[in-house]
Amino acid sequence: MKALGRWIGLLALTAVCLQIFFIGRIALMAAVDPQSTAFERSEAWRIATNKGRLPWSQTWVPYEQLPDNLKRAVLASEDDGFATHNGVDWDSLEKAWTKNSKAEQRAEKKGSTKPPKVVGGSTITQQLAKNLFLSGERTLFRKAQEFVLTMALEGLLSKRRILEIYLNSVEWGEGVFGAEAAALHYFRKPAAKLTAYEAARLVVMLPRPKFFEKTPGSPYLSSRAEVIAGRIADARLP
């Protein structure tokens, strides 16, 4: 029993130290731009392993130089309550949970072996927390860690800083990270010169960037971009 107690204590101490490490990293981000995220490093390894080379494009752009069209578009599409919530949109999570439960029930009734499409309810802050530090696995522990990191991001960084880091590190294609790289990759122009429709089109790609990179003529991509472009004016910036 004593040995078990020591192991439990050691695991608890390790968990505490890990949280202190994460919080220290986040606090540093208030003044220092992160050089890479856990997701970027994972992708770099995957691409280099599979292709033997590392095509990579990323250029940091300060918040003030990021176009309002893009900021508003990402809020309109991904997280319209970003300016006011505390990092977690509980209403969206509840709706996502309900949709996923119904999808699972329908799949069970049909006897389908194909997993149903999972609907997310994550805020921009949650997405950033996951990209910065975590893996893509779906476990209860990882979700709990994501919640802790989300609270730390909201508590230690301003909303503008969170949005700045997100837009500079989010994936927009294979080896394409951040708004500047995406604008150059898809439109051959800097992000500052994106039109409202172009910004909306980039944002619509975010849930499945690699898929839309290969299917630029997708009717859904065009129609959804028009919808988001029409909502840009109503998006509230932090």
Protein backbone atom coordinates (compact mmCIF):
# COMPACT_ATOMS: atom_id res chain seq x y z
CA MET A 1 0.00 0.00 0.00
CA LYS A 2 2.86 2.36 0.79
CA ALA A 3 4.36 1.74 -2.66
CA LEU A 4 0.98 2.45 -4.27
CA GLY A 5 0.67 5.64 -2.27
CA ARG A 6 4.10 6.78 -3.40
CA TRP A 7 3.19 6.11 -7.04
CA ILE A 8 -0.06 8.05 -6.68
CA GLY A 9 1.81 10.91 -5.05
CA LEU A 10 4.43 10.89 -7.79
CA LEU A 11 1.73 10.98 -10.49
CA ALA A 12 -0.03 13.85 -8.71
CA LEU A 13 3.24 15.77 -8.43
CA THR A 14 3.95 15.17 -12.13
CA ALA A 15 0.49 16.44 -13.06
CA VAL A 16 0.98 19.59 -10.97
CA CYS A 17 4.41 20.25 -12.49
CA LEU A 18 2.96 19.80 -15.98
CA GLN A 19 0.26 22.37 -15.25
CA ILE A 20 2.85 24.81 -13.91
CA PHE A 21 4.89 24.30 -17.08
CA PHE A 22 1.87 24.95 -19.30
CA ILE A 23 0.83 28.04 -17.33
CA GLY A 24 4.36 29.39 -17.49
CA ARG A 25 4.40 28.92 -21.27
CA ILE A 26 1.06 30.70 -21.60
CA ALA A 27 2.17 33.60 -19.38
CA LEU A 28 5.25 34.02 -21.57
CA MET A 29 3.02 34.27 -24.64
CA ALA A 30 1.67 37.58 -23.36
CA ALA A 31 4.93 39.10 -24.61
CA VAL A 32 6.65 36.46 -26.77
CA ASP A 33 5.21 34.96 -29.97
CA PRO A 34 5.20 31.14 -29.84
CA GLN A 35 7.63 29.72 -32.40
CA SER A 36 5.48 26.65 -33.03
CA THR A 37 2.57 24.65 -31.65
CA ALA A 38 2.30 20.97 -30.73
CA PHE A 39 0.08 20.46 -33.75
CA GLU A 40 2.58 22.16 -36.09
CA ARG A 41 5.43 20.02 -34.78
CA SER A 42 3.31 16.89 -35.19
CA GLU A 43 2.46 17.86 -38.77
CA ALA A 44 6.09 18.68 -39.53
CA TRP A 45 7.12 15.20 -38.40
CA ARG A 46 4.31 13.55 -40.37
CA ILE A 47 5.10 15.40 -43.59
CA ALA A 48 8.84 14.89 -43.29
CA THR A 49 8.38 11.18 -42.55
CA ASN A 50 5.92 10.55 -45.38
CA LYS A 51 7.47 12.76 -48.05
CA GLY A 52 11.10 13.05 -47.03
CA ARG A 53 10.86 16.83 -47.21
CA LEU A 54 9.25 19.61 -45.24
CA PRO A 55 7.29 22.19 -47.25
CA TRP A 56 6.49 24.85 -44.68
CA SER A 57 5.01 28.33 -44.91
CA GLN A 58 4.34 30.62 -41.96
CA THR A 59 4.87 34.33 -41.31
CA TRP A 60 3.82 36.06 -38.11
CA VAL A 61 1.63 39.16 -38.51
CA PRO A 62 0.84 41.38 -35.48
CA TYR A 63 -2.81 41.77 -34.48
CA GLU A 64 -3.02 45.37 -35.71
CA GLN A 65 -1.85 44.33 -39.19
CA LEU A 66 -4.27 41.43 -39.54
CA PRO A 67 -7.24 42.56 -41.65
CA ASP A 68 -10.51 43.19 -39.84
CA ASN A 69 -12.25 41.27 -42.62
CA LEU A 70 -10.43 38.11 -41.59
CA LYS A 71 -10.86 38.67 -37.85
CA ARG A 72 -14.58 39.24 -38.26
CA ALA A 73 -14.96 36.33 -40.67
CA VAL A 74 -13.36 33.83 -38.29
CA LEU A 75 -15.56 35.03 -35.44
CA ALA A 76 -18.70 34.90 -37.58
CA SER A 77 -17.90 31.36 -38.69
CA GLU A 78 -16.11 29.75 -35.75
CA ASP A 79 -17.06 31.58 -32.57
CA ASP A 80 -19.55 34.46 -32.66
CA GLY A 81 -19.50 34.82 -28.87
CA PHE A 82 -15.72 35.06 -28.61
CA ALA A 83 -15.67 38.66 -27.36
CA THR A 84 -17.94 37.92 -24.39
CA HIS A 85 -17.57 34.28 -23.28
CA ASN A 86 -15.01 33.05 -20.74
CA GLY A 87 -13.40 30.57 -23.10
CA VAL A 88 -16.16 27.96 -23.23
CA ASP A 89 -19.49 28.40 -25.02
CA TRP A 90 -21.70 26.13 -22.95
CA ASP A 91 -24.74 26.55 -25.23
CA SER A 92 -22.74 25.46 -28.29
CA LEU A 93 -21.31 22.51 -26.39
CA GLU A 94 -24.78 21.39 -25.34
CA LYS A 95 -26.07 21.65 -28.92
CA ALA A 96 -23.04 19.73 -30.23
CA TRP A 97 -23.52 17.03 -27.60
CA THR A 98 -27.18 16.65 -28.56
CA LYS A 99 -26.40 16.43 -32.29
CA ASN A 100 -23.64 13.89 -31.74
CA SER A 101 -25.84 11.74 -29.49
CA LYS A 102 -28.61 11.71 -32.08
CA ALA A 103 -26.13 10.86 -34.85
CA GLU A 104 -24.82 7.92 -32.80
CA GLN A 105 -28.35 6.67 -32.15
CA ARG A 106 -29.21 6.83 -35.86
CA ALA A 107 -26.02 4.96 -36.73
CA GLU A 108 -26.83 2.23 -34.17
CA LYS A 109 -30.38 1.81 -35.53
CA LYS A 110 -29.05 1.45 -39.07
CA GLY A 111 -26.38 -0.98 -37.89
CA SER A 112 -23.72 1.19 -39.50
CA THR A 113 -20.08 0.43 -38.67
CA LYS A 114 -18.98 3.82 -39.97
CA PRO A 115 -18.55 6.32 -37.12
CA PRO A 116 -20.96 9.27 -37.38
CA LYS A 117 -19.68 12.73 -38.17
CA VAL A 118 -18.73 14.48 -34.94
CA VAL A 119 -20.00 18.05 -34.52
CA GLY A 120 -17.71 20.27 -32.48
CA GLY A 121 -18.68 23.02 -30.07
CA SER A 122 -15.20 24.32 -29.33
CA THR A 123 -14.47 28.02 -29.07
CA ILE A 124 -11.43 29.67 -30.65
CA THR A 125 -9.73 29.61 -27.25
CA GLN A 126 -10.33 25.87 -26.90
CA GLN A 127 -9.05 25.23 -30.41
CA LEU A 128 -5.93 27.27 -29.62
CA ALA A 129 -5.36 25.38 -26.35
CA LYS A 130 -5.52 22.07 -28.21
CA ASN A 131 -3.25 23.21 -31.05
CA LEU A 132 -0.66 24.76 -28.74
CA PHE A 133 -0.13 21.87 -26.36
CA LEU A 134 -2.20 18.75 -26.98
CA SER A 135 -2.60 15.78 -29.29
CA GLY A 136 -5.63 15.15 -31.46
CA GLU A 137 -6.84 12.11 -29.52
CA ARG A 138 -10.37 12.19 -28.10
CA THR A 139 -10.14 11.12 -24.46
CA LEU A 140 -11.69 12.39 -21.26
CA PHE A 141 -8.26 13.27 -19.86
CA ARG A 142 -7.31 15.30 -22.96
CA LYS A 143 -10.62 17.16 -22.84
CA ALA A 144 -10.10 17.96 -19.16
CA GLN A 145 -6.59 19.22 -19.91
CA GLU A 146 -7.98 21.33 -22.76
CA PHE A 147 -10.44 22.92 -20.33
CA VAL A 148 -7.65 23.80 -17.86
CA LEU A 149 -5.52 25.31 -20.64
CA THR A 150 -8.51 27.24 -21.96
CA MET A 151 -9.07 28.83 -18.56
CA ALA A 152 -5.36 29.68 -18.33
CA LEU A 153 -5.36 31.30 -21.78
CA GLU A 154 -8.41 33.38 -20.93
CA GLY A 155 -6.99 34.35 -17.55
CA LEU A 156 -3.47 35.27 -18.65
CA LEU A 157 -3.93 36.64 -22.18
CA SER A 158 -6.19 39.28 -23.66
CA LYS A 159 -8.86 38.34 -26.19
CA ARG A 160 -6.87 40.18 -28.86
CA ARG A 161 -3.73 38.21 -28.06
CA ILE A 162 -5.62 34.91 -28.17
CA LEU A 163 -7.09 35.79 -31.57
CA GLU A 164 -3.68 36.97 -32.81
CA ILE A 165 -1.96 33.71 -31.86
CA TYR A 166 -4.82 31.65 -33.30
CA LEU A 167 -4.80 33.40 -36.68
CA ASN A 168 -1.03 33.12 -36.92
CA SER A 169 -0.83 29.41 -36.09
CA VAL A 170 -4.00 27.72 -37.34
CA GLU A 171 -3.61 25.21 -40.19
CA TRP A 172 -4.79 26.27 -43.68
CA GLY A 173 -3.42 23.37 -45.73
CA GLU A 174 -0.56 20.91 -45.71
CA GLY A 175 2.40 22.82 -44.28
CA VAL A 176 0.46 26.10 -44.49
CA PHE A 177 0.02 27.80 -41.14
CA GLY A 178 -1.31 31.23 -40.29
CA ALA A 179 -3.24 33.90 -42.16
CA GLU A 180 -0.32 35.40 -44.05
CA ALA A 181 0.84 32.07 -45.45
CA ALA A 182 -2.76 31.15 -46.36
CA ALA A 183 -3.39 34.42 -48.19
CA LEU A 184 -0.19 34.03 -50.21
CA HIS A 185 -0.84 30.35 -50.87
CA TYR A 186 -4.43 30.68 -52.11
CA PHE A 187 -4.68 34.26 -53.40
CA ARG A 188 -1.07 35.30 -54.10
CA LYS A 189 -1.46 38.40 -51.95
CA PRO A 190 -0.70 39.39 -48.33
CA ALA A 191 -3.44 38.93 -45.76
CA ALA A 192 -3.83 42.69 -45.38
CA LYS A 193 -5.22 42.88 -48.94
CA LEU A 194 -7.85 40.15 -48.64
CA THR A 195 -11.39 41.09 -49.63
CA ALA A 196 -14.33 40.18 -47.42
CA TYR A 197 -15.20 37.22 -49.66
CA GLU A 198 -11.59 35.99 -49.80
CA ALA A 199 -11.32 36.20 -46.01
CA ALA A 200 -14.60 34.32 -45.64
CA ARG A 201 -13.46 31.65 -48.09
CA LEU A 202 -10.30 31.04 -46.07
CA VAL A 203 -12.27 30.80 -42.85
CA VAL A 204 -14.73 28.27 -44.28
CA MET A 205 -11.73 26.02 -44.99
CA LEU A 206 -10.68 25.86 -41.34
CA PRO A 207 -12.53 22.74 -40.16
CA ARG A 208 -11.11 20.70 -43.10
CA PRO A 209 -8.22 22.67 -44.62
CA LYS A 210 -6.46 19.76 -46.31
CA PHE A 211 -9.71 18.60 -47.93
CA PHE A 212 -10.59 22.02 -49.32
CA GLU A 213 -7.01 22.60 -50.44
CA LYS A 214 -7.49 19.63 -52.78
CA THR A 215 -11.05 20.63 -53.80
CA PRO A 216 -10.91 24.40 -54.38
CA GLY A 217 -13.92 24.21 -56.72
CA SER A 218 -16.21 22.86 -53.99
CA PRO A 219 -19.71 24.40 -54.35
CA TYR A 220 -20.08 24.25 -50.57
CA LEU A 221 -16.92 26.30 -50.11
CA SER A 222 -18.20 29.07 -52.39
CA SER A 223 -21.76 29.16 -51.07
CA ARG A 224 -20.73 29.05 -47.42
CA ALA A 225 -18.14 31.78 -48.01
CA GLU A 226 -20.88 34.04 -49.37
CA VAL A 227 -22.94 33.45 -46.23
CA ILE A 228 -20.01 34.25 -43.92
CA ALA A 229 -19.07 37.32 -45.97
CA GLY A 230 -22.59 38.59 -45.39
CA ARG A 231 -22.19 38.20 -41.61
CA ILE A 232 -18.82 39.91 -41.31
CA ALA A 233 -20.24 43.35 -40.56
CA ASP A 234 -22.13 41.99 -37.54
CA ALA A 235 -19.17 40.22 -35.93
CA ARG A 236 -17.97 41.85 -32.73
CA LEU A 237 -14.20 42.26 -32.42
CA PRO A 238 -12.52 42.14 -29.00
